[in-house]
């Protein structure tokens, strides 16, 4: 069976564990004041669409879209379990999020990720999928530990 993406709930057991791992990774590689990851409550907000990627009933990754006004949304909480990395699951999730955004009529996607070496693979993935560096957006502060990226959807 191949991995599939579906709508998820942040409070379901596999997702809750993945959110905890995502926060642990962020706090291990980023100063606390520079961690902007959403918790389960934030991922359950009405403006957030939360997705999981699973294989054989096991949740291996997650991602979310947070609508930020007009025809814009932010990619949030992209994370794949350590044991499932290297299988292309993050790319599968990102492409799914882009397709969902298009279906919602979103014209521009934004994201914030870390600027440190631990986040280089994420930045490379985003760049390979058409995201380009940009200035900070929304309510994010100027932060040397953050890298901001955007992509126009056609």
N, C-alpha and C. Protein backbone atom coordinates (compact mmCIF):
# COMPACT_ATOMS: atom_id res chain seq x y z
N UNK A 1 0.85 -1.18 0.00
CA UNK A 1 0.00 0.00 0.00
C UNK A 1 0.89 1.24 0.00
N UNK A 2 0.54 2.24 -0.82
CA UNK A 2 1.35 3.45 -0.87
C UNK A 2 0.76 4.51 0.06
N UNK A 3 1.60 5.42 0.50
CA UNK A 3 1.14 6.47 1.42
C UNK A 3 0.06 7.33 0.77
N UNK A 4 -0.88 7.78 1.58
CA UNK A 4 -1.95 8.65 1.11
C UNK A 4 -2.15 9.82 2.05
N UNK A 5 -2.61 10.93 1.50
CA UNK A 5 -2.88 12.13 2.29
C UNK A 5 -4.39 12.21 2.53
N UNK A 6 -4.75 12.56 3.74
CA UNK A 6 -6.16 12.75 4.09
C UNK A 6 -6.28 13.90 5.09
N UNK A 7 -7.48 14.43 5.19
CA UNK A 7 -7.74 15.41 6.25
C UNK A 7 -7.58 14.70 7.58
N UNK A 8 -6.96 15.40 8.51
CA UNK A 8 -6.75 14.82 9.82
C UNK A 8 -7.30 15.71 10.91
N UNK A 9 -7.16 15.24 12.12
CA UNK A 9 -7.53 16.01 13.31
C UNK A 9 -6.30 16.08 14.20
N UNK A 10 -5.93 17.26 14.65
CA UNK A 10 -4.75 17.38 15.50
C UNK A 10 -4.84 16.58 16.79
N UNK A 11 -6.04 16.22 17.22
CA UNK A 11 -6.19 15.48 18.47
C UNK A 11 -6.20 13.96 18.28
N UNK A 12 -6.12 13.48 17.03
CA UNK A 12 -6.08 12.02 16.87
C UNK A 12 -4.70 11.53 17.31
N UNK A 13 -4.60 10.32 17.86
CA UNK A 13 -3.36 9.86 18.51
C UNK A 13 -2.08 10.01 17.68
N UNK A 14 -2.06 9.55 16.46
CA UNK A 14 -0.85 9.66 15.66
C UNK A 14 -0.47 11.09 15.35
N UNK A 15 -1.47 11.92 15.13
CA UNK A 15 -1.21 13.33 14.84
C UNK A 15 -0.69 14.05 16.07
N UNK A 16 -1.27 13.75 17.21
CA UNK A 16 -0.83 14.40 18.45
C UNK A 16 0.64 14.10 18.72
N UNK A 17 1.05 12.86 18.49
CA UNK A 17 2.45 12.49 18.69
C UNK A 17 3.35 13.21 17.69
N UNK A 18 2.88 13.38 16.46
CA UNK A 18 3.68 14.06 15.44
C UNK A 18 3.80 15.56 15.75
N UNK A 19 2.74 16.16 16.24
CA UNK A 19 2.80 17.57 16.65
C UNK A 19 3.81 17.74 17.77
N UNK A 20 3.81 16.82 18.72
CA UNK A 20 4.79 16.88 19.82
C UNK A 20 6.21 16.74 19.29
N UNK A 21 6.43 15.84 18.33
CA UNK A 21 7.77 15.67 17.73
C UNK A 21 8.18 16.92 16.97
N UNK A 22 7.23 17.54 16.27
CA UNK A 22 7.49 18.77 15.52
C UNK A 22 7.95 19.88 16.47
N UNK A 23 7.26 20.01 17.59
CA UNK A 23 7.64 21.03 18.58
C UNK A 23 8.99 20.70 19.22
N UNK A 24 9.25 19.44 19.50
CA UNK A 24 10.54 19.05 20.08
C UNK A 24 11.67 19.39 19.12
N UNK A 25 11.47 19.11 17.82
CA UNK A 25 12.49 19.43 16.81
C UNK A 25 12.71 20.94 16.76
N UNK A 26 11.63 21.70 16.74
CA UNK A 26 11.75 23.16 16.67
C UNK A 26 12.52 23.70 17.87
N UNK A 27 12.19 23.22 19.06
CA UNK A 27 12.86 23.73 20.27
C UNK A 27 14.30 23.23 20.39
N UNK A 28 14.62 22.12 19.75
CA UNK A 28 16.00 21.61 19.78
C UNK A 28 16.91 22.41 18.85
N UNK A 29 16.34 23.04 17.81
CA UNK A 29 17.17 23.70 16.80
C UNK A 29 16.94 25.20 16.69
N UNK A 30 16.04 25.74 17.48
CA UNK A 30 15.65 27.14 17.34
C UNK A 30 15.50 27.78 18.72
N UNK A 31 15.99 29.01 18.89
CA UNK A 31 15.74 29.71 20.16
C UNK A 31 14.23 29.81 20.42
N UNK A 32 13.84 29.68 21.66
CA UNK A 32 12.42 29.63 22.02
C UNK A 32 11.63 30.81 21.46
N UNK A 33 12.19 32.01 21.51
CA UNK A 33 11.47 33.19 21.01
C UNK A 33 11.28 33.17 19.50
N UNK A 34 11.94 32.25 18.81
CA UNK A 34 11.85 32.16 17.36
C UNK A 34 11.05 30.94 16.89
N UNK A 35 10.39 30.25 17.81
CA UNK A 35 9.57 29.09 17.44
C UNK A 35 8.14 29.58 17.21
N UNK A 36 7.64 29.37 16.00
CA UNK A 36 6.30 29.82 15.62
C UNK A 36 5.38 28.66 15.25
N UNK A 37 5.75 27.45 15.64
CA UNK A 37 4.94 26.27 15.33
C UNK A 37 3.61 26.34 16.06
N UNK A 38 2.55 25.94 15.38
CA UNK A 38 1.23 25.90 16.00
C UNK A 38 1.07 24.65 16.86
N UNK A 39 0.39 24.79 17.98
CA UNK A 39 0.06 23.63 18.80
C UNK A 39 -1.25 23.03 18.28
N UNK A 40 -1.74 21.99 18.95
CA UNK A 40 -2.96 21.32 18.50
C UNK A 40 -4.14 22.29 18.46
N UNK A 41 -4.21 23.20 19.42
CA UNK A 41 -5.28 24.19 19.41
C UNK A 41 -5.22 25.09 18.19
N UNK A 42 -4.02 25.56 17.86
CA UNK A 42 -3.85 26.40 16.68
C UNK A 42 -4.15 25.66 15.40
N UNK A 43 -3.79 24.38 15.35
CA UNK A 43 -4.05 23.58 14.16
C UNK A 43 -5.52 23.18 14.04
N UNK A 44 -6.29 23.38 15.11
CA UNK A 44 -7.72 23.08 15.10
C UNK A 44 -8.56 24.33 14.80
N UNK A 45 -7.92 25.47 14.63
CA UNK A 45 -8.63 26.72 14.40
C UNK A 45 -9.46 26.65 13.11
N UNK A 46 -10.55 27.40 13.04
CA UNK A 46 -11.42 27.34 11.86
C UNK A 46 -10.73 27.72 10.55
N UNK A 47 -9.71 28.57 10.62
CA UNK A 47 -9.02 29.00 9.40
C UNK A 47 -7.91 28.04 8.97
N UNK A 48 -7.76 26.92 9.66
CA UNK A 48 -6.69 25.96 9.37
C UNK A 48 -7.28 24.66 8.83
N UNK A 49 -6.69 24.18 7.74
CA UNK A 49 -7.00 22.86 7.19
C UNK A 49 -5.79 21.98 7.48
N UNK A 50 -6.00 20.92 8.24
CA UNK A 50 -4.93 20.05 8.71
C UNK A 50 -4.99 18.72 7.97
N UNK A 51 -3.82 18.25 7.51
CA UNK A 51 -3.73 17.02 6.74
C UNK A 51 -2.65 16.11 7.31
N UNK A 52 -2.85 14.81 7.15
CA UNK A 52 -1.84 13.83 7.53
C UNK A 52 -1.55 12.94 6.34
N UNK A 53 -0.35 12.39 6.33
CA UNK A 53 0.01 11.39 5.33
C UNK A 53 0.22 10.09 6.10
N UNK A 54 -0.43 9.04 5.63
CA UNK A 54 -0.33 7.78 6.36
C UNK A 54 -0.08 6.63 5.41
N UNK A 55 0.46 5.58 5.97
CA UNK A 55 0.76 4.37 5.23
C UNK A 55 0.43 3.20 6.15
N UNK A 56 -0.43 2.32 5.71
CA UNK A 56 -0.79 1.18 6.52
C UNK A 56 -1.41 1.55 7.85
N UNK A 57 -2.14 2.66 7.89
CA UNK A 57 -2.78 3.09 9.13
C UNK A 57 -1.89 3.86 10.08
N UNK A 58 -0.63 4.06 9.70
CA UNK A 58 0.32 4.80 10.55
C UNK A 58 0.52 6.20 9.99
N UNK A 59 0.34 7.21 10.84
CA UNK A 59 0.57 8.59 10.42
C UNK A 59 2.07 8.85 10.39
N UNK A 60 2.55 9.24 9.21
CA UNK A 60 3.99 9.44 9.00
C UNK A 60 4.36 10.91 8.80
N UNK A 61 3.38 11.74 8.54
CA UNK A 61 3.68 13.15 8.29
C UNK A 61 2.44 13.99 8.40
N UNK A 62 2.66 15.30 8.42
CA UNK A 62 1.54 16.24 8.52
C UNK A 62 1.90 17.54 7.81
N UNK A 63 0.88 18.31 7.56
CA UNK A 63 1.02 19.65 7.00
C UNK A 63 -0.32 20.35 7.12
N UNK A 64 -0.30 21.67 7.02
CA UNK A 64 -1.54 22.43 7.17
C UNK A 64 -1.50 23.68 6.30
N UNK A 65 -2.69 24.17 6.02
CA UNK A 65 -2.87 25.45 5.35
C UNK A 65 -3.64 26.35 6.31
N UNK A 66 -3.10 27.54 6.54
CA UNK A 66 -3.79 28.53 7.37
C UNK A 66 -4.17 29.70 6.48
N UNK A 67 -5.47 29.89 6.28
CA UNK A 67 -5.93 31.01 5.46
C UNK A 67 -5.65 32.32 6.21
N UNK A 68 -4.99 33.26 5.51
CA UNK A 68 -4.57 34.49 6.19
C UNK A 68 -5.23 35.73 5.60
N UNK A 69 -6.25 35.55 4.81
CA UNK A 69 -6.98 36.69 4.28
C UNK A 69 -6.95 36.74 2.77
N UNK A 70 -8.03 37.26 2.22
CA UNK A 70 -8.12 37.36 0.78
C UNK A 70 -7.91 36.00 0.14
N UNK A 71 -7.05 35.96 -0.82
CA UNK A 71 -6.75 34.71 -1.53
C UNK A 71 -5.35 34.23 -1.17
N UNK A 72 -4.99 34.35 0.11
CA UNK A 72 -3.66 33.96 0.57
C UNK A 72 -3.76 32.95 1.71
N UNK A 73 -2.77 32.07 1.77
CA UNK A 73 -2.70 31.09 2.85
C UNK A 73 -1.24 30.83 3.18
N UNK A 74 -1.04 30.28 4.36
CA UNK A 74 0.30 29.96 4.83
C UNK A 74 0.43 28.45 5.00
N UNK A 75 1.54 27.90 4.54
CA UNK A 75 1.88 26.50 4.79
C UNK A 75 2.40 26.42 6.22
N UNK A 76 1.83 25.53 7.02
CA UNK A 76 2.22 25.39 8.43
C UNK A 76 2.47 23.92 8.76
N UNK A 77 3.30 23.72 9.77
CA UNK A 77 3.47 22.43 10.44
C UNK A 77 3.82 21.27 9.52
N UNK A 78 4.67 21.53 8.54
CA UNK A 78 5.17 20.43 7.70
C UNK A 78 6.15 19.62 8.54
N UNK A 79 5.87 18.33 8.69
CA UNK A 79 6.76 17.47 9.47
C UNK A 79 6.55 16.02 9.06
N UNK A 80 7.65 15.29 8.94
CA UNK A 80 7.63 13.84 8.66
C UNK A 80 8.41 13.16 9.77
N UNK A 81 7.92 12.01 10.23
CA UNK A 81 8.63 11.27 11.28
C UNK A 81 10.05 10.96 10.82
N UNK A 82 10.96 10.91 11.78
CA UNK A 82 12.36 10.62 11.45
C UNK A 82 12.50 9.31 10.69
N UNK A 83 11.77 8.29 11.09
CA UNK A 83 11.90 6.97 10.46
C UNK A 83 11.36 6.93 9.04
N UNK A 84 10.53 7.91 8.66
CA UNK A 84 9.96 7.93 7.32
C UNK A 84 10.64 8.94 6.40
N UNK A 85 11.64 9.64 6.89
CA UNK A 85 12.32 10.64 6.06
C UNK A 85 13.11 9.96 4.94
N UNK A 86 13.26 10.68 3.84
CA UNK A 86 14.00 10.16 2.70
C UNK A 86 13.13 9.38 1.73
N UNK A 87 11.83 9.32 1.97
CA UNK A 87 10.91 8.59 1.10
C UNK A 87 10.10 9.53 0.19
N UNK A 88 10.36 10.82 0.28
CA UNK A 88 9.63 11.78 -0.54
C UNK A 88 8.27 12.17 0.00
N UNK A 89 8.01 11.85 1.26
CA UNK A 89 6.69 12.12 1.83
C UNK A 89 6.44 13.61 2.04
N UNK A 90 7.47 14.37 2.38
CA UNK A 90 7.29 15.82 2.54
C UNK A 90 6.90 16.44 1.20
N UNK A 91 7.50 15.98 0.12
CA UNK A 91 7.14 16.49 -1.21
C UNK A 91 5.69 16.12 -1.54
N UNK A 92 5.29 14.89 -1.23
CA UNK A 92 3.90 14.48 -1.45
C UNK A 92 2.96 15.40 -0.70
N UNK A 93 3.26 15.66 0.56
CA UNK A 93 2.41 16.53 1.37
C UNK A 93 2.38 17.94 0.82
N UNK A 94 3.55 18.49 0.48
CA UNK A 94 3.60 19.86 -0.03
C UNK A 94 2.79 19.98 -1.32
N UNK A 95 2.93 19.03 -2.21
CA UNK A 95 2.15 19.07 -3.46
C UNK A 95 0.65 18.97 -3.17
N UNK A 96 0.29 18.18 -2.18
CA UNK A 96 -1.12 18.08 -1.80
C UNK A 96 -1.61 19.42 -1.27
N UNK A 97 -0.82 20.07 -0.43
CA UNK A 97 -1.22 21.38 0.10
C UNK A 97 -1.39 22.40 -1.01
N UNK A 98 -0.49 22.38 -1.99
CA UNK A 98 -0.60 23.30 -3.12
C UNK A 98 -1.89 23.02 -3.90
N UNK A 99 -2.18 21.75 -4.14
CA UNK A 99 -3.41 21.39 -4.86
C UNK A 99 -4.65 21.82 -4.07
N UNK A 100 -4.64 21.61 -2.77
CA UNK A 100 -5.77 22.04 -1.93
C UNK A 100 -5.92 23.55 -1.98
N UNK A 101 -4.81 24.27 -1.91
CA UNK A 101 -4.86 25.73 -1.96
C UNK A 101 -5.47 26.19 -3.28
N UNK A 102 -5.05 25.59 -4.36
CA UNK A 102 -5.62 25.95 -5.67
C UNK A 102 -7.13 25.70 -5.69
N UNK A 103 -7.54 24.55 -5.16
CA UNK A 103 -8.96 24.20 -5.13
C UNK A 103 -9.76 25.20 -4.29
N UNK A 104 -9.14 25.82 -3.30
CA UNK A 104 -9.80 26.83 -2.46
C UNK A 104 -9.76 28.21 -3.09
N UNK A 105 -9.10 28.34 -4.23
CA UNK A 105 -9.00 29.64 -4.88
C UNK A 105 -7.88 30.51 -4.34
N UNK A 106 -6.94 29.89 -3.63
CA UNK A 106 -5.79 30.63 -3.09
C UNK A 106 -4.86 31.02 -4.24
N UNK A 107 -4.41 32.26 -4.26
CA UNK A 107 -3.53 32.76 -5.31
C UNK A 107 -2.07 32.83 -4.88
N UNK A 108 -1.83 32.92 -3.56
CA UNK A 108 -0.45 33.02 -3.07
C UNK A 108 -0.32 32.25 -1.77
N UNK A 109 0.78 31.48 -1.70
CA UNK A 109 1.15 30.77 -0.48
C UNK A 109 2.37 31.41 0.13
N UNK A 110 2.44 31.39 1.44
CA UNK A 110 3.56 31.91 2.21
C UNK A 110 4.02 30.82 3.16
N UNK A 111 5.23 30.94 3.66
CA UNK A 111 5.68 30.05 4.73
C UNK A 111 6.82 30.69 5.49
N UNK A 112 6.97 30.23 6.71
CA UNK A 112 8.10 30.61 7.57
C UNK A 112 8.75 29.32 8.01
N UNK A 113 10.08 29.26 7.90
CA UNK A 113 10.84 28.11 8.37
C UNK A 113 12.12 28.64 9.01
N UNK A 114 12.89 27.76 9.56
CA UNK A 114 14.13 28.18 10.19
C UNK A 114 15.21 28.54 9.18
N UNK A 115 16.10 29.44 9.59
CA UNK A 115 17.23 29.83 8.74
C UNK A 115 18.49 29.04 9.07
N UNK A 116 18.44 28.20 10.11
CA UNK A 116 19.61 27.45 10.56
C UNK A 116 19.83 26.21 9.68
N UNK A 117 21.01 25.61 9.85
CA UNK A 117 21.39 24.45 9.05
C UNK A 117 20.40 23.29 9.18
N UNK A 118 19.80 23.11 10.34
CA UNK A 118 18.85 22.01 10.54
C UNK A 118 17.65 22.11 9.60
N UNK A 119 17.38 23.30 9.11
CA UNK A 119 16.23 23.52 8.23
C UNK A 119 16.61 23.60 6.75
N UNK A 120 17.88 23.39 6.43
CA UNK A 120 18.32 23.44 5.03
C UNK A 120 17.54 22.47 4.14
N UNK A 121 17.29 21.23 4.57
CA UNK A 121 16.51 20.33 3.71
C UNK A 121 15.09 20.87 3.43
N UNK A 122 14.48 21.48 4.42
CA UNK A 122 13.14 22.04 4.22
C UNK A 122 13.19 23.19 3.21
N UNK A 123 14.16 24.08 3.38
CA UNK A 123 14.27 25.21 2.45
C UNK A 123 14.54 24.71 1.03
N UNK A 124 15.36 23.68 0.90
CA UNK A 124 15.65 23.11 -0.43
C UNK A 124 14.39 22.51 -1.04
N UNK A 125 13.60 21.81 -0.24
CA UNK A 125 12.34 21.25 -0.74
C UNK A 125 11.43 22.36 -1.23
N UNK A 126 11.24 23.38 -0.41
CA UNK A 126 10.35 24.46 -0.80
C UNK A 126 10.84 25.14 -2.08
N UNK A 127 12.13 25.39 -2.18
CA UNK A 127 12.67 26.03 -3.39
C UNK A 127 12.45 25.14 -4.61
N UNK A 128 12.63 23.83 -4.45
CA UNK A 128 12.45 22.92 -5.59
C UNK A 128 10.99 22.84 -6.04
N UNK A 129 10.07 23.28 -5.19
CA UNK A 129 8.65 23.29 -5.53
C UNK A 129 8.14 24.70 -5.86
N UNK A 130 9.08 25.61 -6.17
CA UNK A 130 8.69 26.92 -6.67
C UNK A 130 8.57 28.04 -5.65
N UNK A 131 8.89 27.78 -4.40
CA UNK A 131 8.87 28.84 -3.39
C UNK A 131 10.16 29.65 -3.50
N UNK A 132 10.04 30.96 -3.31
CA UNK A 132 11.21 31.84 -3.39
C UNK A 132 11.31 32.64 -2.09
N UNK A 133 12.54 33.02 -1.71
CA UNK A 133 12.71 33.84 -0.51
C UNK A 133 11.96 35.16 -0.64
N UNK A 134 11.48 35.66 0.48
CA UNK A 134 10.75 36.93 0.49
C UNK A 134 10.96 37.61 1.84
N UNK A 135 10.45 38.81 1.95
CA UNK A 135 10.48 39.53 3.23
C UNK A 135 9.47 38.88 4.18
N UNK A 136 9.59 39.20 5.45
CA UNK A 136 8.63 38.67 6.42
C UNK A 136 7.22 39.07 5.99
N UNK A 137 6.25 38.35 6.50
CA UNK A 137 4.86 38.61 6.14
C UNK A 137 3.99 38.47 7.38
N UNK A 138 2.76 38.93 7.27
CA UNK A 138 1.80 38.78 8.37
C UNK A 138 2.31 39.39 9.66
N UNK A 139 2.11 38.65 10.74
CA UNK A 139 2.49 39.13 12.07
C UNK A 139 3.88 38.68 12.50
N UNK A 140 4.62 38.05 11.60
CA UNK A 140 5.95 37.58 11.98
C UNK A 140 6.88 38.76 12.23
N UNK A 141 7.73 38.66 13.24
CA UNK A 141 8.70 39.72 13.49
C UNK A 141 9.92 39.57 12.57
N UNK A 142 10.71 40.63 12.49
CA UNK A 142 12.02 40.48 11.86
C UNK A 142 12.79 39.53 12.76
N UNK A 143 13.30 38.44 12.21
CA UNK A 143 13.94 37.42 13.03
C UNK A 143 15.05 36.76 12.23
N UNK A 144 16.30 36.87 12.65
CA UNK A 144 17.39 36.25 11.90
C UNK A 144 17.32 34.73 11.90
N UNK A 145 16.50 34.15 12.77
CA UNK A 145 16.35 32.70 12.82
C UNK A 145 15.25 32.18 11.91
N UNK A 146 14.58 33.09 11.20
CA UNK A 146 13.50 32.72 10.30
C UNK A 146 13.89 32.97 8.86
N UNK A 147 13.40 32.09 7.99
CA UNK A 147 13.49 32.27 6.54
C UNK A 147 12.05 32.31 6.04
N UNK A 148 11.72 33.31 5.25
CA UNK A 148 10.36 33.48 4.73
C UNK A 148 10.39 33.18 3.24
N UNK A 149 9.34 32.50 2.77
CA UNK A 149 9.27 32.13 1.36
C UNK A 149 7.83 32.29 0.89
N UNK A 150 7.67 32.45 -0.43
CA UNK A 150 6.34 32.61 -1.01
C UNK A 150 6.29 31.94 -2.38
N UNK A 151 5.07 31.68 -2.82
CA UNK A 151 4.86 31.10 -4.15
C UNK A 151 3.51 31.59 -4.66
N UNK A 152 3.52 32.08 -5.89
CA UNK A 152 2.28 32.46 -6.56
C UNK A 152 1.73 31.21 -7.24
N UNK A 153 0.44 30.98 -7.07
CA UNK A 153 -0.21 29.83 -7.70
C UNK A 153 -0.89 30.30 -8.98
N UNK A 154 -0.75 29.49 -10.03
CA UNK A 154 -1.39 29.87 -11.29
C UNK A 154 -2.47 28.88 -11.64
